[in-house]
N, C-alpha and C. Protein backbone atom coordinates (compact mmCIF):
# COMPACT_ATOMS: atom_id res chain seq x y z
N MET A 1 141.33 2.46 64.72
CA MET A 1 141.22 3.82 64.20
C MET A 1 141.26 3.77 62.69
N GLY A 2 140.77 4.85 62.06
CA GLY A 2 140.73 4.92 60.61
C GLY A 2 139.37 5.42 60.16
N TYR A 3 139.13 5.33 58.85
CA TYR A 3 137.86 5.83 58.30
C TYR A 3 136.70 5.03 58.87
N GLY A 4 135.72 5.73 59.45
CA GLY A 4 134.56 5.07 60.04
C GLY A 4 134.83 4.46 61.38
N LYS A 5 136.02 4.65 61.93
CA LYS A 5 136.36 4.08 63.24
C LYS A 5 137.02 5.16 64.09
N PRO A 6 136.22 6.09 64.69
CA PRO A 6 136.81 7.16 65.51
C PRO A 6 137.38 6.56 66.78
N PRO A 7 138.24 7.32 67.48
CA PRO A 7 138.81 6.84 68.74
C PRO A 7 137.70 6.49 69.73
N VAL A 8 137.95 5.52 70.57
CA VAL A 8 136.95 5.06 71.52
C VAL A 8 136.54 6.18 72.47
N ALA A 9 137.47 7.01 72.89
CA ALA A 9 137.17 8.07 73.85
C ALA A 9 136.21 9.11 73.29
N SER A 10 136.20 9.27 71.95
CA SER A 10 135.34 10.31 71.34
C SER A 10 134.05 9.75 70.78
N ARG A 11 133.87 8.46 70.96
CA ARG A 11 132.63 7.88 70.45
C ARG A 11 131.46 8.22 71.39
N PHE A 12 130.20 8.26 70.80
CA PHE A 12 128.99 8.49 71.60
C PHE A 12 128.66 7.23 72.38
N CYS A 13 128.19 7.47 73.61
CA CYS A 13 127.77 6.32 74.40
C CYS A 13 126.51 5.71 73.80
N LYS A 14 126.29 4.45 74.10
CA LYS A 14 125.13 3.76 73.57
C LYS A 14 123.85 4.43 74.10
N GLY A 15 122.92 4.77 73.19
CA GLY A 15 121.68 5.43 73.55
C GLY A 15 121.76 6.93 73.55
N GLN A 16 122.94 7.52 73.32
CA GLN A 16 123.11 8.97 73.32
C GLN A 16 123.03 9.47 71.89
N SER A 17 122.23 10.54 71.66
CA SER A 17 122.07 11.08 70.32
C SER A 17 123.29 11.89 69.93
N GLY A 18 123.64 11.80 68.68
CA GLY A 18 124.73 12.61 68.17
C GLY A 18 124.29 14.01 67.84
N ASN A 19 122.96 14.28 67.83
CA ASN A 19 122.44 15.61 67.53
C ASN A 19 121.26 15.87 68.45
N PRO A 20 121.56 16.15 69.74
CA PRO A 20 120.46 16.29 70.71
C PRO A 20 119.51 17.44 70.41
N ALA A 21 119.94 18.45 69.67
CA ALA A 21 119.06 19.58 69.34
C ALA A 21 118.39 19.41 67.99
N GLY A 22 118.54 18.26 67.38
CA GLY A 22 118.00 18.05 66.04
C GLY A 22 116.54 17.67 66.05
N ARG A 23 116.04 17.20 64.90
CA ARG A 23 114.63 16.86 64.73
C ARG A 23 114.29 15.64 65.57
N PRO A 24 113.16 15.67 66.29
CA PRO A 24 112.77 14.51 67.09
C PRO A 24 112.53 13.30 66.20
N ARG A 25 112.78 12.14 66.77
CA ARG A 25 112.58 10.91 66.03
C ARG A 25 111.10 10.74 65.65
N GLY A 26 110.86 10.38 64.40
CA GLY A 26 109.50 10.15 63.93
C GLY A 26 108.78 11.38 63.45
N SER A 27 109.43 12.56 63.56
CA SER A 27 108.72 13.78 63.15
C SER A 27 108.60 13.90 61.65
N GLY A 28 109.33 13.11 60.90
CA GLY A 28 109.25 13.19 59.44
C GLY A 28 108.10 12.41 58.85
N THR A 29 107.48 11.57 59.65
CA THR A 29 106.36 10.77 59.14
C THR A 29 105.12 11.14 59.93
N ARG A 30 104.23 11.93 59.33
CA ARG A 30 103.01 12.36 59.98
C ARG A 30 101.90 11.35 59.74
N LYS A 31 101.09 11.18 60.76
CA LYS A 31 99.97 10.26 60.62
C LYS A 31 98.88 10.89 59.78
N ALA A 32 98.33 10.10 58.89
CA ALA A 32 97.24 10.59 58.04
C ALA A 32 95.96 10.73 58.86
N SER A 33 95.10 11.70 58.48
CA SER A 33 93.83 11.88 59.17
C SER A 33 92.97 10.65 58.97
N PRO A 34 92.23 10.28 59.98
CA PRO A 34 91.37 9.10 59.83
C PRO A 34 90.31 9.32 58.76
N LEU A 35 89.99 8.25 58.05
CA LEU A 35 88.97 8.35 57.01
C LEU A 35 87.61 8.56 57.65
N PRO A 36 86.73 9.37 57.02
CA PRO A 36 85.39 9.58 57.59
C PRO A 36 84.59 8.28 57.54
N SER A 37 83.70 8.13 58.49
CA SER A 37 82.84 6.96 58.51
C SER A 37 81.85 7.04 57.36
N PRO A 38 81.24 5.91 56.99
CA PRO A 38 80.29 5.95 55.86
C PRO A 38 79.12 6.89 56.09
N GLN A 39 78.78 7.17 57.38
CA GLN A 39 77.66 8.06 57.65
C GLN A 39 78.02 9.53 57.50
N GLU A 40 79.31 9.85 57.54
CA GLU A 40 79.74 11.24 57.47
C GLU A 40 79.77 11.72 56.02
N GLU A 41 79.48 12.99 55.86
CA GLU A 41 79.59 13.63 54.55
C GLU A 41 80.43 14.88 54.73
N ARG A 42 81.71 14.65 55.04
CA ARG A 42 82.59 15.75 55.43
C ARG A 42 82.77 16.76 54.30
N LEU A 43 82.90 16.27 53.07
CA LEU A 43 83.11 17.18 51.95
C LEU A 43 81.90 18.08 51.74
N LYS A 44 80.69 17.54 51.89
CA LYS A 44 79.50 18.37 51.74
C LYS A 44 79.45 19.44 52.82
N ALA A 45 79.85 19.07 54.03
CA ALA A 45 79.87 20.06 55.11
C ALA A 45 80.85 21.18 54.81
N ILE A 46 82.01 20.82 54.23
CA ILE A 46 83.01 21.84 53.88
C ILE A 46 82.47 22.75 52.78
N VAL A 47 81.82 22.15 51.77
CA VAL A 47 81.27 22.94 50.66
C VAL A 47 80.21 23.91 51.18
N LEU A 48 79.32 23.43 52.05
CA LEU A 48 78.28 24.31 52.58
C LEU A 48 78.86 25.41 53.45
N ALA A 49 79.88 25.07 54.24
CA ALA A 49 80.51 26.09 55.08
C ALA A 49 81.13 27.20 54.24
N GLU A 50 81.76 26.80 53.14
CA GLU A 50 82.37 27.80 52.26
C GLU A 50 81.31 28.59 51.50
N ALA A 51 80.23 27.91 51.10
CA ALA A 51 79.19 28.58 50.32
C ALA A 51 78.51 29.68 51.12
N TYR A 52 78.36 29.49 52.42
CA TYR A 52 77.66 30.46 53.24
C TYR A 52 78.58 31.26 54.15
N ARG A 53 79.87 31.18 53.86
CA ARG A 53 80.82 32.03 54.59
C ARG A 53 80.65 33.47 54.13
N THR A 54 80.58 34.38 55.10
CA THR A 54 80.36 35.79 54.78
C THR A 54 81.65 36.44 54.28
N ILE A 55 81.56 37.13 53.15
CA ILE A 55 82.69 37.85 52.59
C ILE A 55 82.25 39.28 52.28
N GLN A 56 83.24 40.12 52.00
CA GLN A 56 82.95 41.49 51.62
C GLN A 56 83.18 41.66 50.12
N VAL A 57 82.22 42.32 49.48
CA VAL A 57 82.34 42.61 48.05
C VAL A 57 82.07 44.09 47.85
N ASN A 58 82.58 44.60 46.75
CA ASN A 58 82.38 46.01 46.43
C ASN A 58 81.11 46.17 45.62
N ASP A 59 80.19 46.95 46.17
CA ASP A 59 78.93 47.24 45.50
C ASP A 59 78.95 48.69 45.04
N ALA A 60 77.90 49.07 44.30
CA ALA A 60 77.83 50.45 43.82
C ALA A 60 77.81 51.45 44.97
N SER A 61 77.23 51.03 46.10
CA SER A 61 77.15 51.91 47.27
C SER A 61 78.32 51.72 48.23
N GLY A 62 79.27 50.85 47.88
CA GLY A 62 80.42 50.61 48.75
C GLY A 62 80.52 49.15 49.15
N PRO A 63 81.48 48.81 50.03
CA PRO A 63 81.64 47.42 50.46
C PRO A 63 80.42 46.94 51.24
N ILE A 64 79.95 45.74 50.90
CA ILE A 64 78.85 45.12 51.63
C ILE A 64 79.21 43.67 51.92
N SER A 65 78.57 43.08 52.92
CA SER A 65 78.81 41.70 53.31
C SER A 65 77.70 40.82 52.78
N MET A 66 78.07 39.64 52.32
CA MET A 66 77.09 38.68 51.83
C MET A 66 77.72 37.30 51.82
N PRO A 67 76.90 36.24 51.77
CA PRO A 67 77.46 34.89 51.68
C PRO A 67 78.21 34.68 50.36
N MET A 68 79.18 33.79 50.39
CA MET A 68 79.97 33.50 49.20
C MET A 68 79.07 33.08 48.03
N ALA A 69 78.08 32.23 48.30
CA ALA A 69 77.20 31.76 47.23
C ALA A 69 76.47 32.92 46.56
N GLN A 70 75.99 33.87 47.36
CA GLN A 70 75.31 35.03 46.80
C GLN A 70 76.25 35.88 45.97
N ALA A 71 77.48 36.02 46.42
CA ALA A 71 78.46 36.81 45.66
C ALA A 71 78.75 36.16 44.31
N VAL A 72 78.83 34.83 44.29
CA VAL A 72 79.11 34.13 43.03
C VAL A 72 77.94 34.30 42.05
N ILE A 73 76.72 34.14 42.55
CA ILE A 73 75.55 34.30 41.70
C ILE A 73 75.44 35.73 41.21
N ARG A 74 75.73 36.69 42.08
CA ARG A 74 75.66 38.09 41.65
C ARG A 74 76.69 38.37 40.56
N SER A 75 77.90 37.83 40.72
CA SER A 75 78.92 38.03 39.70
C SER A 75 78.50 37.43 38.37
N LEU A 76 77.88 36.24 38.44
CA LEU A 76 77.39 35.61 37.21
C LEU A 76 76.31 36.45 36.56
N ALA A 77 75.38 36.98 37.35
CA ALA A 77 74.30 37.79 36.81
C ALA A 77 74.83 39.09 36.20
N VAL A 78 75.81 39.70 36.86
CA VAL A 78 76.39 40.95 36.33
C VAL A 78 77.07 40.70 35.00
N ASN A 79 77.83 39.61 34.90
CA ASN A 79 78.50 39.29 33.63
C ASN A 79 77.48 38.99 32.55
N ALA A 80 76.36 38.34 32.92
CA ALA A 80 75.32 38.07 31.93
C ALA A 80 74.70 39.36 31.44
N ALA A 81 74.48 40.31 32.37
CA ALA A 81 73.91 41.60 31.98
C ALA A 81 74.86 42.40 31.10
N LYS A 82 76.16 42.14 31.24
CA LYS A 82 77.14 42.85 30.41
C LYS A 82 77.25 42.26 29.01
N GLY A 83 76.56 41.14 28.78
CA GLY A 83 76.55 40.57 27.43
C GLY A 83 77.47 39.39 27.23
N HIS A 84 78.03 38.84 28.30
CA HIS A 84 78.88 37.65 28.16
C HIS A 84 77.99 36.44 27.86
N HIS A 85 78.17 35.87 26.68
CA HIS A 85 77.25 34.82 26.24
C HIS A 85 77.29 33.59 27.14
N ARG A 86 78.47 33.19 27.57
CA ARG A 86 78.57 32.01 28.43
C ARG A 86 77.87 32.25 29.77
N ALA A 87 78.07 33.45 30.34
CA ALA A 87 77.41 33.78 31.59
C ALA A 87 75.90 33.86 31.41
N GLN A 88 75.45 34.37 30.27
CA GLN A 88 74.02 34.43 30.00
C GLN A 88 73.41 33.03 29.94
N ARG A 89 74.11 32.11 29.27
CA ARG A 89 73.60 30.75 29.16
C ARG A 89 73.57 30.07 30.53
N GLN A 90 74.64 30.24 31.29
CA GLN A 90 74.70 29.62 32.61
C GLN A 90 73.63 30.18 33.55
N PHE A 91 73.44 31.51 33.49
CA PHE A 91 72.45 32.12 34.37
C PHE A 91 71.04 31.69 33.97
N ALA A 92 70.76 31.61 32.66
CA ALA A 92 69.44 31.17 32.21
C ALA A 92 69.16 29.73 32.63
N GLU A 93 70.17 28.87 32.53
CA GLU A 93 69.99 27.48 32.95
C GLU A 93 69.78 27.38 34.45
N LEU A 94 70.55 28.16 35.21
CA LEU A 94 70.40 28.16 36.66
C LEU A 94 69.02 28.65 37.07
N LEU A 95 68.55 29.71 36.42
CA LEU A 95 67.23 30.26 36.74
C LEU A 95 66.13 29.27 36.42
N ALA A 96 66.22 28.63 35.25
CA ALA A 96 65.20 27.65 34.85
C ALA A 96 65.18 26.47 35.82
N THR A 97 66.35 26.00 36.23
CA THR A 97 66.42 24.88 37.18
C THR A 97 65.83 25.26 38.53
N THR A 98 66.17 26.47 39.00
CA THR A 98 65.68 26.92 40.30
C THR A 98 64.17 27.09 40.29
N GLU A 99 63.65 27.73 39.24
CA GLU A 99 62.20 27.93 39.17
C GLU A 99 61.47 26.60 39.01
N GLY A 100 62.05 25.67 38.25
CA GLY A 100 61.43 24.37 38.09
C GLY A 100 61.36 23.60 39.40
N GLU A 101 62.44 23.65 40.18
CA GLU A 101 62.45 22.97 41.47
C GLU A 101 61.47 23.63 42.44
N ARG A 102 61.40 24.93 42.38
CA ARG A 102 60.45 25.63 43.25
C ARG A 102 59.01 25.28 42.88
N ARG A 103 58.72 25.21 41.59
CA ARG A 103 57.37 24.85 41.15
C ARG A 103 57.04 23.41 41.53
N ARG A 104 58.04 22.52 41.41
CA ARG A 104 57.81 21.12 41.76
C ARG A 104 57.49 20.98 43.24
N ARG A 105 58.25 21.67 44.09
CA ARG A 105 58.00 21.60 45.53
C ARG A 105 56.64 22.20 45.88
N HIS A 106 56.28 23.29 45.19
CA HIS A 106 54.99 23.92 45.45
C HIS A 106 53.85 22.97 45.08
N GLU A 107 53.92 22.35 43.93
CA GLU A 107 52.88 21.42 43.50
C GLU A 107 52.82 20.20 44.41
N GLU A 108 53.98 19.76 44.88
CA GLU A 108 54.01 18.63 45.80
C GLU A 108 53.32 18.98 47.12
N TRP A 109 53.62 20.17 47.65
CA TRP A 109 53.00 20.61 48.89
C TRP A 109 51.49 20.77 48.71
N LEU A 110 51.07 21.32 47.58
CA LEU A 110 49.64 21.50 47.33
C LEU A 110 48.93 20.16 47.29
N GLY A 111 49.55 19.16 46.64
CA GLY A 111 48.95 17.84 46.57
C GLY A 111 48.86 17.18 47.94
N VAL A 112 49.91 17.32 48.73
CA VAL A 112 49.90 16.73 50.08
C VAL A 112 48.81 17.39 50.94
N ALA A 113 48.71 18.72 50.89
CA ALA A 113 47.71 19.42 51.69
C ALA A 113 46.30 19.05 51.26
N LEU A 114 46.07 18.94 49.96
CA LEU A 114 44.73 18.60 49.47
C LEU A 114 44.35 17.18 49.89
N THR A 115 45.28 16.24 49.75
CA THR A 115 45.00 14.86 50.16
C THR A 115 44.73 14.78 51.66
N TYR A 116 45.53 15.47 52.45
CA TYR A 116 45.35 15.48 53.90
C TYR A 116 43.97 16.01 54.27
N LYS A 117 43.59 17.14 53.68
CA LYS A 117 42.31 17.76 54.00
C LYS A 117 41.15 16.85 53.64
N LEU A 118 41.15 16.29 52.44
CA LEU A 118 40.05 15.45 51.99
C LEU A 118 39.95 14.17 52.84
N GLU A 119 41.06 13.53 53.11
CA GLU A 119 41.03 12.28 53.88
C GLU A 119 40.54 12.51 55.30
N TRP A 120 40.98 13.60 55.94
CA TRP A 120 40.53 13.85 57.30
C TRP A 120 39.08 14.31 57.34
N GLU A 121 38.63 15.04 56.34
CA GLU A 121 37.22 15.41 56.29
C GLU A 121 36.35 14.17 56.18
N GLN A 122 36.76 13.21 55.36
CA GLN A 122 36.02 11.96 55.24
C GLN A 122 36.04 11.18 56.55
N GLU A 123 37.20 11.16 57.23
CA GLU A 123 37.29 10.43 58.50
C GLU A 123 36.42 11.07 59.57
N LEU A 124 36.41 12.39 59.64
CA LEU A 124 35.58 13.07 60.64
C LEU A 124 34.10 12.89 60.34
N ASP A 125 33.71 12.87 59.05
CA ASP A 125 32.32 12.60 58.68
C ASP A 125 31.94 11.17 59.09
N ARG A 126 32.85 10.23 58.90
CA ARG A 126 32.58 8.84 59.27
C ARG A 126 32.37 8.72 60.78
N ARG A 127 33.22 9.40 61.55
CA ARG A 127 33.07 9.37 63.01
C ARG A 127 31.72 9.96 63.43
N ALA A 128 31.33 11.06 62.77
CA ALA A 128 30.06 11.71 63.13
C ALA A 128 28.88 10.79 62.81
N ARG A 129 28.92 10.10 61.68
CA ARG A 129 27.82 9.21 61.30
C ARG A 129 27.70 8.04 62.27
N LEU A 130 28.84 7.51 62.70
CA LEU A 130 28.83 6.35 63.58
C LEU A 130 28.75 6.73 65.06
N GLY A 131 28.87 8.02 65.34
CA GLY A 131 28.81 8.46 66.72
C GLY A 131 29.99 8.02 67.54
N ILE A 132 31.15 7.98 66.93
CA ILE A 132 32.35 7.58 67.64
C ILE A 132 33.31 8.76 67.74
N GLY A 133 34.17 8.71 68.74
CA GLY A 133 35.14 9.78 68.92
C GLY A 133 36.52 9.36 68.45
N GLY A 134 37.46 10.16 68.81
CA GLY A 134 38.83 9.88 68.41
C GLY A 134 39.68 11.12 68.58
N PRO A 135 40.99 10.96 68.52
CA PRO A 135 41.86 12.13 68.67
C PRO A 135 41.65 13.13 67.54
N GLU A 136 41.68 14.39 67.89
CA GLU A 136 41.51 15.44 66.88
C GLU A 136 42.78 15.58 66.05
N PRO A 137 42.65 15.64 64.74
CA PRO A 137 43.85 15.76 63.91
C PRO A 137 44.51 17.12 64.06
N LEU A 138 45.82 17.12 63.97
CA LEU A 138 46.60 18.36 63.99
C LEU A 138 47.50 18.39 62.76
N PRO A 139 47.31 19.37 61.88
CA PRO A 139 46.30 20.42 61.94
C PRO A 139 44.90 19.90 61.60
N HIS A 140 43.89 20.61 62.05
CA HIS A 140 42.51 20.25 61.73
C HIS A 140 42.27 20.56 60.26
N PRO A 141 41.48 19.71 59.55
CA PRO A 141 41.25 19.99 58.13
C PRO A 141 40.59 21.33 57.87
N ASP A 142 39.81 21.84 58.85
CA ASP A 142 39.21 23.16 58.67
C ASP A 142 40.27 24.26 58.64
N HIS A 143 41.45 23.97 59.21
CA HIS A 143 42.52 24.97 59.26
C HIS A 143 43.47 24.85 58.07
N VAL A 144 43.22 23.92 57.17
CA VAL A 144 44.00 23.80 55.95
C VAL A 144 43.24 24.52 54.85
N ARG A 145 43.68 25.68 54.49
CA ARG A 145 42.98 26.53 53.51
C ARG A 145 43.64 26.37 52.14
N ILE A 146 42.84 25.93 51.18
CA ILE A 146 43.34 25.68 49.83
C ILE A 146 42.60 26.58 48.85
N ASP A 147 43.35 27.30 48.05
CA ASP A 147 42.80 28.16 47.01
C ASP A 147 43.17 27.53 45.66
N MET A 148 42.21 26.86 45.05
CA MET A 148 42.49 26.15 43.80
C MET A 148 42.76 27.12 42.64
N TYR A 149 42.18 28.32 42.71
CA TYR A 149 42.40 29.29 41.64
C TYR A 149 43.82 29.84 41.70
N ALA A 150 44.28 30.15 42.92
CA ALA A 150 45.64 30.66 43.07
C ALA A 150 46.66 29.54 43.17
N GLY A 151 46.19 28.31 43.42
CA GLY A 151 47.11 27.18 43.55
C GLY A 151 47.94 27.24 44.82
N THR A 152 47.31 27.67 45.93
CA THR A 152 48.05 27.82 47.19
C THR A 152 47.38 26.99 48.28
N ALA A 153 48.16 26.62 49.27
CA ALA A 153 47.67 25.91 50.45
C ALA A 153 48.40 26.46 51.66
N ARG A 154 47.66 26.73 52.72
CA ARG A 154 48.28 27.25 53.93
C ARG A 154 47.53 26.73 55.15
N ILE A 155 48.22 26.69 56.26
CA ILE A 155 47.65 26.25 57.53
C ILE A 155 47.43 27.47 58.40
N VAL A 156 46.19 27.66 58.87
CA VAL A 156 45.85 28.86 59.64
C VAL A 156 45.54 28.53 61.09
N GLY A 157 45.83 27.32 61.52
CA GLY A 157 45.57 26.93 62.89
C GLY A 157 46.74 26.17 63.47
N PRO A 158 46.59 25.61 64.65
CA PRO A 158 47.68 24.89 65.30
C PRO A 158 48.04 23.61 64.57
N ALA A 159 49.34 23.31 64.55
CA ALA A 159 49.82 22.09 63.89
C ALA A 159 50.54 21.15 64.85
N THR A 160 50.77 21.61 66.10
CA THR A 160 51.42 20.78 67.11
C THR A 160 50.62 20.87 68.40
N LYS A 161 50.94 19.99 69.37
CA LYS A 161 50.24 20.01 70.65
C LYS A 161 50.50 21.32 71.39
N GLN A 162 51.74 21.82 71.29
CA GLN A 162 52.06 23.07 71.97
C GLN A 162 51.27 24.23 71.37
N GLU A 163 51.19 24.26 70.05
CA GLU A 163 50.41 25.31 69.39
C GLU A 163 48.93 25.17 69.70
N LYS A 164 48.46 23.93 69.81
CA LYS A 164 47.05 23.69 70.14
C LYS A 164 46.72 24.23 71.52
N ALA A 165 47.60 24.04 72.49
CA ALA A 165 47.36 24.56 73.83
C ALA A 165 47.28 26.08 73.81
N LYS A 166 48.17 26.71 73.06
CA LYS A 166 48.15 28.17 72.95
C LYS A 166 46.89 28.64 72.21
N TRP A 167 46.52 27.90 71.18
CA TRP A 167 45.33 28.24 70.39
C TRP A 167 44.08 28.17 71.26
N ASP A 168 43.95 27.11 72.06
CA ASP A 168 42.78 26.96 72.93
C ASP A 168 42.71 28.08 73.95
N LEU A 169 43.89 28.50 74.43
CA LEU A 169 43.91 29.60 75.40
C LEU A 169 43.39 30.88 74.78
N TRP A 170 43.81 31.16 73.55
CA TRP A 170 43.34 32.36 72.87
C TRP A 170 41.86 32.25 72.50
N GLN A 171 41.44 31.06 72.09
CA GLN A 171 40.03 30.88 71.74
C GLN A 171 39.13 31.11 72.95
N ALA A 172 39.63 30.76 74.14
CA ALA A 172 38.85 30.98 75.36
C ALA A 172 38.64 32.47 75.62
N GLN A 173 39.54 33.31 75.08
CA GLN A 173 39.42 34.76 75.26
C GLN A 173 38.49 35.40 74.22
N LYS A 174 38.06 34.62 73.24
CA LYS A 174 37.28 35.20 72.14
C LYS A 174 35.97 35.83 72.62
N PRO A 175 35.15 35.18 73.49
CA PRO A 175 33.92 35.85 73.96
C PRO A 175 34.18 37.17 74.65
N LEU A 176 35.25 37.24 75.44
CA LEU A 176 35.59 38.49 76.12
C LEU A 176 35.94 39.57 75.10
N LEU A 177 36.72 39.22 74.08
CA LEU A 177 37.07 40.20 73.06
C LEU A 177 35.84 40.67 72.29
N GLU A 178 34.92 39.76 72.02
CA GLU A 178 33.70 40.15 71.32
C GLU A 178 32.86 41.11 72.15
N ARG A 179 32.77 40.87 73.47
CA ARG A 179 32.04 41.81 74.34
C ARG A 179 32.72 43.17 74.38
N GLU A 180 34.05 43.16 74.43
CA GLU A 180 34.77 44.43 74.44
C GLU A 180 34.52 45.20 73.15
N LEU A 181 34.51 44.51 72.03
CA LEU A 181 34.30 45.18 70.75
C LEU A 181 32.90 45.78 70.69
N ARG A 182 31.90 45.05 71.16
CA ARG A 182 30.53 45.60 71.16
C ARG A 182 30.46 46.85 72.04
N GLY A 183 31.18 46.83 73.16
CA GLY A 183 31.19 48.02 74.02
C GLY A 183 31.84 49.21 73.34
N TYR A 184 32.97 48.97 72.65
CA TYR A 184 33.63 50.06 71.92
C TYR A 184 32.71 50.61 70.83
N GLU A 185 32.01 49.72 70.12
CA GLU A 185 31.14 50.18 69.03
C GLU A 185 29.96 50.99 69.56
N ARG A 186 29.41 50.60 70.72
CA ARG A 186 28.32 51.39 71.32
C ARG A 186 28.82 52.79 71.68
N ARG A 187 30.01 52.86 72.25
CA ARG A 187 30.56 54.16 72.62
C ARG A 187 30.80 55.02 71.39
N LEU A 188 31.25 54.41 70.30
CA LEU A 188 31.52 55.19 69.09
C LEU A 188 30.25 55.67 68.41
N ARG A 189 29.11 55.00 68.66
CA ARG A 189 27.85 55.45 68.06
C ARG A 189 27.31 56.70 68.76
N ARG A 190 27.82 56.99 69.94
CA ARG A 190 27.37 58.18 70.64
C ARG A 190 28.03 59.41 70.01
N PRO A 191 27.23 60.44 69.67
CA PRO A 191 27.83 61.64 69.05
C PRO A 191 28.75 62.39 70.00
N ASP A 192 28.51 62.27 71.31
CA ASP A 192 29.34 63.00 72.27
C ASP A 192 30.40 62.09 72.90
N CYS A 193 30.87 61.09 72.15
CA CYS A 193 31.85 60.14 72.69
C CYS A 193 33.17 60.86 73.00
N PRO A 194 33.57 60.87 74.25
CA PRO A 194 34.88 61.47 74.57
C PRO A 194 36.01 60.55 74.12
N ASP A 195 37.20 61.08 74.04
CA ASP A 195 38.40 60.35 73.60
C ASP A 195 38.09 59.35 72.47
N ARG A 196 37.42 59.85 71.42
CA ARG A 196 36.98 59.00 70.31
C ARG A 196 38.16 58.30 69.64
N ARG A 197 39.25 59.00 69.45
CA ARG A 197 40.39 58.39 68.76
C ARG A 197 40.95 57.21 69.55
N ALA A 198 41.04 57.34 70.84
CA ALA A 198 41.56 56.25 71.66
C ALA A 198 40.62 55.04 71.59
N VAL A 199 39.30 55.29 71.61
CA VAL A 199 38.33 54.19 71.51
C VAL A 199 38.43 53.53 70.14
N GLU A 200 38.60 54.33 69.09
CA GLU A 200 38.74 53.75 67.74
C GLU A 200 39.98 52.87 67.65
N ARG A 201 41.07 53.30 68.28
CA ARG A 201 42.29 52.48 68.25
C ARG A 201 42.07 51.15 68.97
N GLU A 202 41.41 51.20 70.13
CA GLU A 202 41.15 49.97 70.88
C GLU A 202 40.21 49.05 70.11
N ALA A 203 39.20 49.63 69.48
CA ALA A 203 38.27 48.82 68.70
C ALA A 203 38.97 48.16 67.52
N ASP A 204 39.84 48.92 66.87
CA ASP A 204 40.57 48.35 65.74
C ASP A 204 41.51 47.24 66.18
N ARG A 205 42.17 47.43 67.32
CA ARG A 205 43.06 46.40 67.84
C ARG A 205 42.28 45.12 68.19
N THR A 206 41.09 45.29 68.75
CA THR A 206 40.26 44.13 69.10
C THR A 206 39.77 43.42 67.85
N ARG A 207 39.41 44.17 66.81
CA ARG A 207 38.98 43.55 65.55
C ARG A 207 40.10 42.72 64.94
N ARG A 208 41.33 43.24 64.99
CA ARG A 208 42.46 42.49 64.43
C ARG A 208 42.70 41.21 65.21
N ALA A 209 42.54 41.27 66.54
CA ALA A 209 42.72 40.07 67.35
C ALA A 209 41.67 39.02 67.02
N LEU A 210 40.42 39.44 66.84
CA LEU A 210 39.36 38.51 66.48
C LEU A 210 39.56 37.93 65.09
N ALA A 211 40.03 38.78 64.15
CA ALA A 211 40.31 38.28 62.80
C ALA A 211 41.43 37.27 62.83
N TRP A 212 42.43 37.49 63.66
CA TRP A 212 43.54 36.55 63.80
C TRP A 212 43.06 35.20 64.33
N LEU A 213 42.11 35.25 65.28
CA LEU A 213 41.58 34.01 65.83
C LEU A 213 40.74 33.26 64.79
N ASP A 214 40.05 34.01 63.92
CA ASP A 214 39.23 33.35 62.90
C ASP A 214 40.04 32.85 61.73
N ASP A 215 41.11 33.56 61.41
CA ASP A 215 41.87 33.20 60.21
C ASP A 215 43.32 33.63 60.38
N GLY A 216 44.02 32.97 61.26
CA GLY A 216 45.41 33.32 61.51
C GLY A 216 46.18 32.11 61.94
N SER A 217 47.51 32.26 61.99
CA SER A 217 48.40 31.17 62.42
C SER A 217 48.86 31.44 63.83
N VAL A 218 49.16 30.38 64.55
CA VAL A 218 49.62 30.51 65.92
C VAL A 218 51.05 30.98 65.93
N GLY A 219 51.35 32.07 66.65
CA GLY A 219 52.71 32.56 66.72
C GLY A 219 53.32 32.32 68.07
């Protein structure tokens, strides 16, 4: 008995806790989260999730919802409009960078479309001269419309096998639509045409369908 030596009868048995309601063993040391693999970009995913998280902001017409990124840009633009020089400089730099990237992507797309169209036109001409066949390109070069004056390129026909199947189905209906349109036009030339407005609506609807088949995209 003495300091550090309590009576034997009052000692804890071996394996018995002196504080059974206390903190569990090992609870003070938490395991660290595993490190992301080299292929993961966890921080970028977090940044994007926060950037496009919807928040509420006060607008002139009241509270409205918008992505966080839009709210930040709007706040920067408002401060620039109020005359804050730093905000003006940041907004001007952001605008110039955004427009430059947009112009670069546009010019890149225009160059790709032009190269694709020219190369496939040459290949199809070669096949025709030699009398050989081959798989039809998707999209077809005739469906790649390039306006050099406006600097634009667009595809007005099918670009995948699924779209091609749908396109062929609609093209098969083109003769029927043309016959229907001629019938509507004959009826409209009659001075005593009954229900003229209904016929005009049907004729206009048929014209739009034919125009879509001649110069439209598969939806």
